[in-house]
Each structure stands twice: as C-alpha cells, then as structure tokens.
Amino acid sequence: MSDRRKKKQNQAERMAWGEAKERFSIMLTPTAAQKIDDRAKALGLSRSELLEQAARGVVSISDTELTQEDKENLGKPSVN
C-alpha cells in the first residue's frame, strides 16, 4: 500500500464516527493491554477502533461471544 493511500485511510479512520478523533493517553497493565490487542485482532479492528466501538456499545471487550477458534487464537503471538 502506498504512503498516500495509507494517509488517506488513516484520515478516514479518524473521522469514521462523524467527528474528529483526538489523542488520549491511558495507563493499563501489560495484561490488560494484551487482552485488548488480542480482542481487537480477533475482530479485525485496531486497538483504537475496538475501544471506540466498546465505548459505543457496538462490540464487547469480553470474549464470551467469540468462536472456539478465536478463543484458541487469543494470546498466541501474531505473525506479521
């Protein structure tokens, strides 16, 4: 993907909910951060978008509705 296309995609993501996203700093334990990352990966979302959707009630951070395959993949190292 070209740099120009990535920039346009990032701009669209920052405006995805009809308002500009702002940067916030939060503190988490490494365990909580890993769980957020695992859940986001299982849903095909960025960490930021997972938190956005969870706050809006669109998705749950809980893994209760994950498939067995998703549950088995949680916590496994990602292959980039």
PDB file of N, CA and C in Angstrom:
ATOM      1  N   MET A   1       0.854  -1.175   0.000  1.00  0.00           N
ATOM      2  CA  MET A   1       0.000   0.000   0.000  1.00  0.00           C
ATOM      3  C   MET A   1       0.900   1.239   0.000  1.00  0.00           C
ATOM      4  N   SER A   2       0.598   2.203  -0.851  1.00  0.00           N
ATOM      5  CA  SER A   2       1.408   3.405  -0.940  1.00  0.00           C
ATOM      6  C   SER A   2       1.218   4.286   0.285  1.00  0.00           C
ATOM      7  N   ASP A   3       2.214   5.140   0.527  1.00  0.00           N
ATOM      8  CA  ASP A   3       2.131   6.059   1.669  1.00  0.00           C
ATOM      9  C   ASP A   3       0.926   6.983   1.550  1.00  0.00           C
ATOM     10  N   ARG A   4       0.643   7.405   0.324  1.00  0.00           N
ATOM     11  CA  ARG A   4      -0.502   8.303   0.096  1.00  0.00           C
ATOM     12  C   ARG A   4      -1.827   7.612   0.451  1.00  0.00           C
ATOM     13  N   ARG A   5      -1.938   6.353   0.051  1.00  0.00           N
ATOM     14  CA  ARG A   5      -3.162   5.595   0.333  1.00  0.00           C
ATOM     15  C   ARG A   5      -3.303   5.343   1.841  1.00  0.00           C
ATOM     16  N   LYS A   6      -2.192   5.027   2.524  1.00  0.00           N
ATOM     17  CA  LYS A   6      -2.220   4.832   3.975  1.00  0.00           C
ATOM     18  C   LYS A   6      -2.665   6.109   4.678  1.00  0.00           C
ATOM     19  N   LYS A   7      -2.163   7.250   4.216  1.00  0.00           N
ATOM     20  CA  LYS A   7      -2.519   8.524   4.835  1.00  0.00           C
ATOM     21  C   LYS A   7      -4.005   8.799   4.688  1.00  0.00           C
ATOM     22  N   LYS A   8      -4.558   8.553   3.503  1.00  0.00           N
ATOM     23  CA  LYS A   8      -5.995   8.750   3.286  1.00  0.00           C
ATOM     24  C   LYS A   8      -6.813   7.800   4.147  1.00  0.00           C
ATOM     25  N   GLN A   9      -6.357   6.548   4.261  1.00  0.00           N
ATOM     26  CA  GLN A   9      -7.064   5.567   5.083  1.00  0.00           C
ATOM     27  C   GLN A   9      -7.033   6.004   6.549  1.00  0.00           C
ATOM     28  N   ASN A  10      -5.895   6.455   7.042  1.00  0.00           N
ATOM     29  CA  ASN A  10      -5.788   6.914   8.423  1.00  0.00           C
ATOM     30  C   ASN A  10      -6.681   8.123   8.672  1.00  0.00           C
ATOM     31  N   GLN A  11      -6.755   9.046   7.721  1.00  0.00           N
ATOM     32  CA  GLN A  11      -7.632  10.209   7.871  1.00  0.00           C
ATOM     33  C   GLN A  11      -9.087   9.772   7.939  1.00  0.00           C
ATOM     34  N   ALA A  12      -9.476   8.810   7.135  1.00  0.00           N
ATOM     35  CA  ALA A  12     -10.852   8.315   7.139  1.00  0.00           C
ATOM     36  C   ALA A  12     -11.172   7.642   8.469  1.00  0.00           C
ATOM     37  N   GLU A  13     -10.224   6.873   9.003  1.00  0.00           N
ATOM     38  CA  GLU A  13     -10.442   6.220  10.295  1.00  0.00           C
ATOM     39  C   GLU A  13     -10.641   7.242  11.407  1.00  0.00           C
ATOM     40  N   ARG A  14      -9.923   8.352  11.339  1.00  0.00           N
ATOM     41  CA  ARG A  14     -10.046   9.372  12.386  1.00  0.00           C
ATOM     42  C   ARG A  14     -11.377  10.109  12.303  1.00  0.00           C
ATOM     43  N   MET A  15     -12.087  10.008  11.186  1.00  0.00           N
ATOM     44  CA  MET A  15     -13.376  10.680  11.024  1.00  0.00           C
ATOM     45  C   MET A  15     -14.522   9.678  10.903  1.00  0.00           C
ATOM     46  N   ALA A  16     -14.281   8.420  11.196  1.00  0.00           N
ATOM     47  CA  ALA A  16     -15.242   7.347  10.935  1.00  0.00           C
ATOM     48  C   ALA A  16     -16.574   7.505  11.657  1.00  0.00           C
ATOM     49  N   TRP A  17     -16.618   8.182  12.761  1.00  0.00           N
ATOM     50  CA  TRP A  17     -17.852   8.302  13.545  1.00  0.00           C
ATOM     51  C   TRP A  17     -18.487   9.681  13.394  1.00  0.00           C
ATOM     52  N   GLY A  18     -18.126  10.394  12.346  1.00  0.00           N
ATOM     53  CA  GLY A  18     -18.725  11.698  12.096  1.00  0.00           C
ATOM     54  C   GLY A  18     -18.152  12.814  12.951  1.00  0.00           C
ATOM     55  N   GLU A  19     -17.080  12.518  13.636  1.00  0.00           N
ATOM     56  CA  GLU A  19     -16.404  13.551  14.416  1.00  0.00           C
ATOM     57  C   GLU A  19     -14.922  13.212  14.443  1.00  0.00           C
ATOM     58  N   ALA A  20     -14.113  14.233  14.608  1.00  0.00           N
ATOM     59  CA  ALA A  20     -12.668  14.020  14.614  1.00  0.00           C
ATOM     60  C   ALA A  20     -12.242  13.299  15.881  1.00  0.00           C
ATOM     61  N   LYS A  21     -11.386  12.316  15.721  1.00  0.00           N
ATOM     62  CA  LYS A  21     -10.838  11.623  16.883  1.00  0.00           C
ATOM     63  C   LYS A  21      -9.700  12.448  17.464  1.00  0.00           C
ATOM     64  N   GLU A  22      -9.563  12.369  18.763  1.00  0.00           N
ATOM     65  CA  GLU A  22      -8.489  13.055  19.473  1.00  0.00           C
ATOM     66  C   GLU A  22      -7.603  12.024  20.134  1.00  0.00           C
ATOM     67  N   ARG A  23      -6.377  12.401  20.388  1.00  0.00           N
ATOM     68  CA  ARG A  23      -5.424  11.502  21.041  1.00  0.00           C
ATOM     69  C   ARG A  23      -5.601  11.616  22.556  1.00  0.00           C
ATOM     70  N   PHE A  24      -5.701  10.460  23.222  1.00  0.00           N
ATOM     71  CA  PHE A  24      -5.784  10.392  24.674  1.00  0.00           C
ATOM     72  C   PHE A  24      -4.731   9.424  25.168  1.00  0.00           C
ATOM     73  N   SER A  25      -4.235   9.676  26.328  1.00  0.00           N
ATOM     74  CA  SER A  25      -3.249   8.790  26.936  1.00  0.00           C
ATOM     75  C   SER A  25      -3.904   8.085  28.108  1.00  0.00           C
ATOM     76  N   ILE A  26      -3.782   6.763  28.139  1.00  0.00           N
ATOM     77  CA  ILE A  26      -4.325   5.992  29.249  1.00  0.00           C
ATOM     78  C   ILE A  26      -3.223   5.083  29.785  1.00  0.00           C
ATOM     79  N   MET A  27      -3.390   4.653  31.002  1.00  0.00           N
ATOM     80  CA  MET A  27      -2.433   3.722  31.589  1.00  0.00           C
ATOM     81  C   MET A  27      -3.130   2.393  31.829  1.00  0.00           C
ATOM     82  N   LEU A  28      -2.488   1.308  31.398  1.00  0.00           N
ATOM     83  CA  LEU A  28      -3.016  -0.040  31.547  1.00  0.00           C
ATOM     84  C   LEU A  28      -1.903  -0.964  32.030  1.00  0.00           C
ATOM     85  N   THR A  29      -2.301  -2.047  32.635  1.00  0.00           N
ATOM     86  CA  THR A  29      -1.316  -3.079  32.927  1.00  0.00           C
ATOM     87  C   THR A  29      -0.971  -3.773  31.616  1.00  0.00           C
ATOM     88  N   PRO A  30       0.181  -4.395  31.524  1.00  0.00           N
ATOM     89  CA  PRO A  30       0.520  -5.143  30.315  1.00  0.00           C
ATOM     90  C   PRO A  30      -0.513  -6.236  30.008  1.00  0.00           C
ATOM     91  N   THR A  31      -1.070  -6.852  31.040  1.00  0.00           N
ATOM     92  CA  THR A  31      -2.083  -7.888  30.839  1.00  0.00           C
ATOM     93  C   THR A  31      -3.321  -7.318  30.169  1.00  0.00           C
ATOM     94  N   ALA A  32      -3.802  -6.179  30.655  1.00  0.00           N
ATOM     95  CA  ALA A  32      -4.990  -5.555  30.065  1.00  0.00           C
ATOM     96  C   ALA A  32      -4.718  -5.134  28.626  1.00  0.00           C
ATOM     97  N   ALA A  33      -3.558  -4.552  28.373  1.00  0.00           N
ATOM     98  CA  ALA A  33      -3.214  -4.125  27.014  1.00  0.00           C
ATOM     99  C   ALA A  33      -3.182  -5.321  26.067  1.00  0.00           C
ATOM    100  N   GLN A  34      -2.638  -6.443  26.531  1.00  0.00           N
ATOM    101  CA  GLN A  34      -2.580  -7.646  25.685  1.00  0.00           C
ATOM    102  C   GLN A  34      -3.975  -8.177  25.397  1.00  0.00           C
ATOM    103  N   LYS A  35      -4.849  -8.151  26.394  1.00  0.00           N
ATOM    104  CA  LYS A  35      -6.219  -8.622  26.184  1.00  0.00           C
ATOM    105  C   LYS A  35      -6.952  -7.739  25.179  1.00  0.00           C
ATOM    106  N   ILE A  36      -6.732  -6.429  25.263  1.00  0.00           N
ATOM    107  CA  ILE A  36      -7.335  -5.506  24.300  1.00  0.00           C
ATOM    108  C   ILE A  36      -6.802  -5.795  22.901  1.00  0.00           C
ATOM    109  N   ASP A  37      -5.496  -5.976  22.796  1.00  0.00           N
ATOM    110  CA  ASP A  37      -4.900  -6.266  21.492  1.00  0.00           C
ATOM    111  C   ASP A  37      -5.403  -7.594  20.925  1.00  0.00           C
ATOM    112  N   ASP A  38      -5.506  -8.617  21.773  1.00  0.00           N
ATOM    113  CA  ASP A  38      -5.996  -9.917  21.315  1.00  0.00           C
ATOM    114  C   ASP A  38      -7.430  -9.817  20.811  1.00  0.00           C
ATOM    115  N   ARG A  39      -8.256  -9.107  21.551  1.00  0.00           N
ATOM    116  CA  ARG A  39      -9.675  -8.951  21.173  1.00  0.00           C
ATOM    117  C   ARG A  39      -9.791  -8.170  19.867  1.00  0.00           C
ATOM    118  N   ALA A  40      -9.007  -7.101  19.762  1.00  0.00           N
ATOM    119  CA  ALA A  40      -9.032  -6.295  18.538  1.00  0.00           C
ATOM    120  C   ALA A  40      -8.620  -7.143  17.338  1.00  0.00           C
ATOM    121  N   LYS A  41      -7.573  -7.932  17.493  1.00  0.00           N
ATOM    122  CA  LYS A  41      -7.104  -8.781  16.397  1.00  0.00           C
ATOM    123  C   LYS A  41      -8.180  -9.793  16.008  1.00  0.00           C
ATOM    124  N   ALA A  42      -8.825 -10.394  17.007  1.00  0.00           N
ATOM    125  CA  ALA A  42      -9.863 -11.384  16.732  1.00  0.00           C
ATOM    126  C   ALA A  42     -11.020 -10.786  15.942  1.00  0.00           C
ATOM    127  N   LEU A  43     -11.271  -9.507  16.134  1.00  0.00           N
ATOM    128  CA  LEU A  43     -12.360  -8.831  15.428  1.00  0.00           C
ATOM    129  C   LEU A  43     -11.903  -8.098  14.173  1.00  0.00           C
ATOM    130  N   GLY A  44     -10.604  -8.102  13.912  1.00  0.00           N
ATOM    131  CA  GLY A  44     -10.080  -7.406  12.735  1.00  0.00           C
ATOM    132  C   GLY A  44     -10.115  -5.898  12.880  1.00  0.00           C
ATOM    133  N   LEU A  45      -9.955  -5.412  14.120  1.00  0.00           N
ATOM    134  CA  LEU A  45     -10.001  -3.972  14.399  1.00  0.00           C
ATOM    135  C   LEU A  45      -8.666  -3.497  14.949  1.00  0.00           C
ATOM    136  N   SER A  46      -8.442  -2.204  14.848  1.00  0.00           N
ATOM    137  CA  SER A  46      -7.298  -1.624  15.539  1.00  0.00           C
ATOM    138  C   SER A  46      -7.648  -1.515  17.018  1.00  0.00           C
ATOM    139  N   ARG A  47      -6.649  -1.349  17.848  1.00  0.00           N
ATOM    140  CA  ARG A  47      -6.881  -1.149  19.284  1.00  0.00           C
ATOM    141  C   ARG A  47      -7.788   0.050  19.503  1.00  0.00           C
ATOM    142  N   SER A  48      -7.517   1.122  18.803  1.00  0.00           N
ATOM    143  CA  SER A  48      -8.301   2.349  18.940  1.00  0.00           C
ATOM    144  C   SER A  48      -9.763   2.124  18.561  1.00  0.00           C
ATOM    145  N   GLU A  49      -9.975   1.427  17.443  1.00  0.00           N
ATOM    146  CA  GLU A  49     -11.348   1.204  16.985  1.00  0.00           C
ATOM    147  C   GLU A  49     -12.092   0.247  17.912  1.00  0.00           C
ATOM    148  N   LEU A  50     -11.393  -0.740  18.465  1.00  0.00           N
ATOM    149  CA  LEU A  50     -12.040  -1.630  19.432  1.00  0.00           C
ATOM    150  C   LEU A  50     -12.539  -0.836  20.633  1.00  0.00           C
ATOM    151  N   LEU A  51     -11.698   0.033  21.171  1.00  0.00           N
ATOM    152  CA  LEU A  51     -12.112   0.832  22.324  1.00  0.00           C
ATOM    153  C   LEU A  51     -13.252   1.782  21.958  1.00  0.00           C
ATOM    154  N   GLU A  52     -13.199   2.359  20.770  1.00  0.00           N
ATOM    155  CA  GLU A  52     -14.276   3.232  20.292  1.00  0.00           C
ATOM    156  C   GLU A  52     -15.599   2.461  20.238  1.00  0.00           C
ATOM    157  N   GLN A  53     -15.574   1.300  19.604  1.00  0.00           N
ATOM    158  CA  GLN A  53     -16.796   0.518  19.453  1.00  0.00           C
ATOM    159  C   GLN A  53     -17.296  -0.020  20.791  1.00  0.00           C
ATOM    160  N   ALA A  54     -16.389  -0.403  21.674  1.00  0.00           N
ATOM    161  CA  ALA A  54     -16.798  -0.880  23.002  1.00  0.00           C
ATOM    162  C   ALA A  54     -17.465   0.248  23.785  1.00  0.00           C
ATOM    163  N   ALA A  55     -16.909   1.441  23.725  1.00  0.00           N
ATOM    164  CA  ALA A  55     -17.492   2.586  24.433  1.00  0.00           C
ATOM    165  C   ALA A  55     -18.870   2.939  23.888  1.00  0.00           C
ATOM    166  N   ARG A  56     -19.076   2.696  22.598  1.00  0.00           N
ATOM    167  CA  ARG A  56     -20.373   2.992  21.965  1.00  0.00           C
ATOM    168  C   ARG A  56     -21.351   1.824  22.070  1.00  0.00           C
ATOM    169  N   GLY A  57     -20.911   0.713  22.660  1.00  0.00           N
ATOM    170  CA  GLY A  57     -21.786  -0.438  22.833  1.00  0.00           C
ATOM    171  C   GLY A  57     -21.958  -1.286  21.585  1.00  0.00           C
ATOM    172  N   VAL A  58     -21.081  -1.103  20.612  1.00  0.00           N
ATOM    173  CA  VAL A  58     -21.174  -1.855  19.362  1.00  0.00           C
ATOM    174  C   VAL A  58     -20.585  -3.256  19.530  1.00  0.00           C
ATOM    175  N   VAL A  59     -19.464  -3.353  20.209  1.00  0.00           N
ATOM    176  CA  VAL A  59     -18.827  -4.642  20.491  1.00  0.00           C
ATOM    177  C   VAL A  59     -18.542  -4.725  21.977  1.00  0.00           C
ATOM    178  N   SER A  60     -18.248  -5.917  22.414  1.00  0.00           N
ATOM    179  CA  SER A  60     -17.874  -6.138  23.802  1.00  0.00           C
ATOM    180  C   SER A  60     -16.395  -6.474  23.877  1.00  0.00           C
ATOM    181  N   ILE A  61     -15.754  -6.050  24.918  1.00  0.00           N
ATOM    182  CA  ILE A  61     -14.360  -6.430  25.108  1.00  0.00           C
ATOM    183  C   ILE A  61     -14.294  -7.856  25.640  1.00  0.00           C
ATOM    184  N   SER A  62     -15.374  -8.323  26.208  1.00  0.00           N
ATOM    185  CA  SER A  62     -15.452  -9.702  26.696  1.00  0.00           C
ATOM    186  C   SER A  62     -15.369 -10.655  25.521  1.00  0.00           C
ATOM    187  N   ASP A  63     -14.807 -11.804  25.739  1.00  0.00           N
ATOM    188  CA  ASP A  63     -14.701 -12.768  24.656  1.00  0.00           C
ATOM    189  C   ASP A  63     -15.788 -13.829  24.708  1.00  0.00           C
ATOM    190  N   THR A  64     -16.879 -13.576  25.402  1.00  0.00           N
ATOM    191  CA  THR A  64     -17.913 -14.594  25.568  1.00  0.00           C
ATOM    192  C   THR A  64     -18.580 -14.992  24.257  1.00  0.00           C
ATOM    193  N   GLU A  65     -18.623 -14.086  23.287  1.00  0.00           N
ATOM    194  CA  GLU A  65     -19.273 -14.438  22.033  1.00  0.00           C
ATOM    195  C   GLU A  65     -18.285 -14.847  20.940  1.00  0.00           C
ATOM    196  N   LEU A  66     -17.029 -15.023  21.291  1.00  0.00           N
ATOM    197  CA  LEU A  66     -16.053 -15.466  20.310  1.00  0.00           C
ATOM    198  C   LEU A  66     -16.270 -16.933  19.954  1.00  0.00           C
ATOM    199  N   THR A  67     -15.888 -17.275  18.741  1.00  0.00           N
ATOM    200  CA  THR A  67     -15.938 -18.678  18.347  1.00  0.00           C
ATOM    201  C   THR A  67     -14.830 -19.432  19.069  1.00  0.00           C
ATOM    202  N   GLN A  68     -14.912 -20.735  19.057  1.00  0.00           N
ATOM    203  CA  GLN A  68     -13.874 -21.544  19.697  1.00  0.00           C
ATOM    204  C   GLN A  68     -12.526 -21.278  19.038  1.00  0.00           C
ATOM    205  N   GLU A  69     -12.504 -21.140  17.723  1.00  0.00           N
ATOM    206  CA  GLU A  69     -11.252 -20.861  17.011  1.00  0.00           C
ATOM    207  C   GLU A  69     -10.651 -19.537  17.468  1.00  0.00           C
ATOM    208  N   ASP A  70     -11.490 -18.497  17.594  1.00  0.00           N
ATOM    209  CA  ASP A  70     -11.000 -17.205  18.072  1.00  0.00           C
ATOM    210  C   ASP A  70     -10.425 -17.342  19.475  1.00  0.00           C
ATOM    211  N   LYS A  71     -11.126 -18.077  20.343  1.00  0.00           N
ATOM    212  CA  LYS A  71     -10.650 -18.259  21.712  1.00  0.00           C
ATOM    213  C   LYS A  71      -9.303 -18.968  21.734  1.00  0.00           C
ATOM    214  N   GLU A  72      -9.137 -19.950  20.850  1.00  0.00           N
ATOM    215  CA  GLU A  72      -7.870 -20.681  20.793  1.00  0.00           C
ATOM    216  C   GLU A  72      -6.735 -19.794  20.304  1.00  0.00           C
ATOM    217  N   ASN A  73      -7.050 -18.816  19.452  1.00  0.00           N
ATOM    218  CA  ASN A  73      -6.018 -17.926  18.917  1.00  0.00           C
ATOM    219  C   ASN A  73      -5.649 -16.792  19.864  1.00  0.00           C
ATOM    220  N   LEU A  74      -6.494 -16.506  20.833  1.00  0.00           N
ATOM    221  CA  LEU A  74      -6.187 -15.431  21.768  1.00  0.00           C
ATOM    222  C   LEU A  74      -4.913 -15.753  22.529  1.00  0.00           C
ATOM    223  N   GLY A  75      -4.061 -14.763  22.641  1.00  0.00           N
ATOM    224  CA  GLY A  75      -2.824 -14.951  23.388  1.00  0.00           C
ATOM    225  C   GLY A  75      -1.695 -15.559  22.586  1.00  0.00           C
ATOM    226  N   LYS A  76      -1.997 -16.057  21.387  1.00  0.00           N
ATOM    227  CA  LYS A  76      -0.927 -16.591  20.544  1.00  0.00           C
ATOM    228  C   LYS A  76      -0.190 -15.421  19.906  1.00  0.00           C
ATOM    229  N   PRO A  77       1.105 -15.523  19.765  1.00  0.00           N
ATOM    230  CA  PRO A  77       1.851 -14.438  19.120  1.00  0.00           C
ATOM    231  C   PRO A  77       1.381 -14.220  17.697  1.00  0.00           C
ATOM    232  N   SER A  78       1.275 -12.971  17.301  1.00  0.00           N
ATOM    233  CA  SER A  78       0.831 -12.678  15.936  1.00  0.00           C
ATOM    234  C   SER A  78       1.995 -12.856  14.977  1.00  0.00           C
ATOM    235  N   VAL A  79       1.671 -13.272  13.760  1.00  0.00           N
ATOM    236  CA  VAL A  79       2.658 -13.452  12.712  1.00  0.00           C
ATOM    237  C   VAL A  79       2.478 -12.312  11.735  1.00  0.00           C
ATOM    238  N   ASN A  80       3.486 -11.453  11.634  1.00  0.00           N
ATOM    239  CA  ASN A  80       3.373 -10.281  10.739  1.00  0.00           C
ATOM    240  C   ASN A  80       4.082 -10.511   9.456  1.00  0.00           C
TER     241      ASN A  80
END
